[in-house]
Amino acid sequence: MNTASLSGVIVPVITPVDDNECVDERAFRRSIRRLLDAGVHAIFVGGSAGEGPLLTSSEWERMATIAADEVNGTAPLLGGAIDTSTRRVIEKIRVFSSLDFLYSVVTPTYYITLRAEEEYLRLFGECAAVAAGMEIIAYNIPACVGSVIPTSALFTAGDRGWIKYVKESSGDYTYFKRLVDEGRDHNLSILEGEEGHIAQGMLAGAVGIVPVCANFEPETFIAAYEAGIAGDADALVPLQERILLLRKKLLLVSPLWIAGIKYAMSCMGLGSGKTVSPLCPLTVAEQQNIRKFVMVNQPATPLSSEVDRLEQTA
């Protein structure tokens, strides 16, 4: 089992795709490289923000392969092993293992919603048994999978050595705080995945944050993590305000948060902004609002149309 510790700003990278919903390799590599150059602590691909469960099997594996090649051991690499049954999840874990990922991030299986604690334990236990040197990270995200992982199941999995980390993205602070406070006794460290709670989560004892808006503005989240580690509540106040603004302007601009952040990145020349079907694209008005925000907040970055023009004349 890998013994390296995981902490810091872990960015759930979006996956740019072309009109055929194939991974845009050039844009994907540039997105990852931009984040590494900014100093983020780890890269997470194939998660919710990366639309991993929506890609075809071949494109999912291609995404993982590109990420492994681009990161090339320079930072911890996490992969989303998210699917509808334990065997399907294990197939993805084995792909990550073959590519030398350090971590597989496992949600509860979905479609047929998990109900019994034993189902969660079977999932994490069987995944840990085939992890082959990787750590399994439990990922609680009920908005996507339809179930909340019982804290008792996580504590048992920690006691049995199956998991050492939990990515908590429910937005339920009471649940999060219990994981932090009681998880220590079960060998668990907690990653805050809810952007609205970054400051609160860091001050409560999270070892890292997993913010989708860091795709757009990684520096703000690095500063927030560093302030949190230092216990500097005063420094966190303006940073959390900035994070909430990013969340409002990029994620909450439409009913589908993925569409907003993907379009924002496309305005910076990183991909087409297309979401994987059947996810809805932005309306024209929503696109205009995001473009205005990008122009003000990333003035040194040409918008996508300008990038296209420059490349055509190069």
Foldseek 3Di string as FASTA:
>chain_A
DADDDDFFEEEADAFFADPVRAGPLVLSLVLVVVLVVLPTAEYEYLDPLNCNVQGDPVRSLVSLLSVLVSCVPVHQYEYELAEADLVSSLVVLVSNVVSPHQEYEYEQHAPPADDDLVSVLVNLVVSLVNNNNHAYEYEAACVPGVDGNPLVSVLVCLQVVSHQEYEYAHPPVVVLLCCQPVVVVSNHAYEYEHLLCLLVNLLSHHRYYYYNLCSVVVVLRNQSNVCSVVNPSVSNVVSSVVSVVSCVLQQVLDPHRSLRVLLLVQQLQRHDSDDRPPDDHDDPVSSVSSNVVSCVVVVVGHTNVVVVVVVVVD
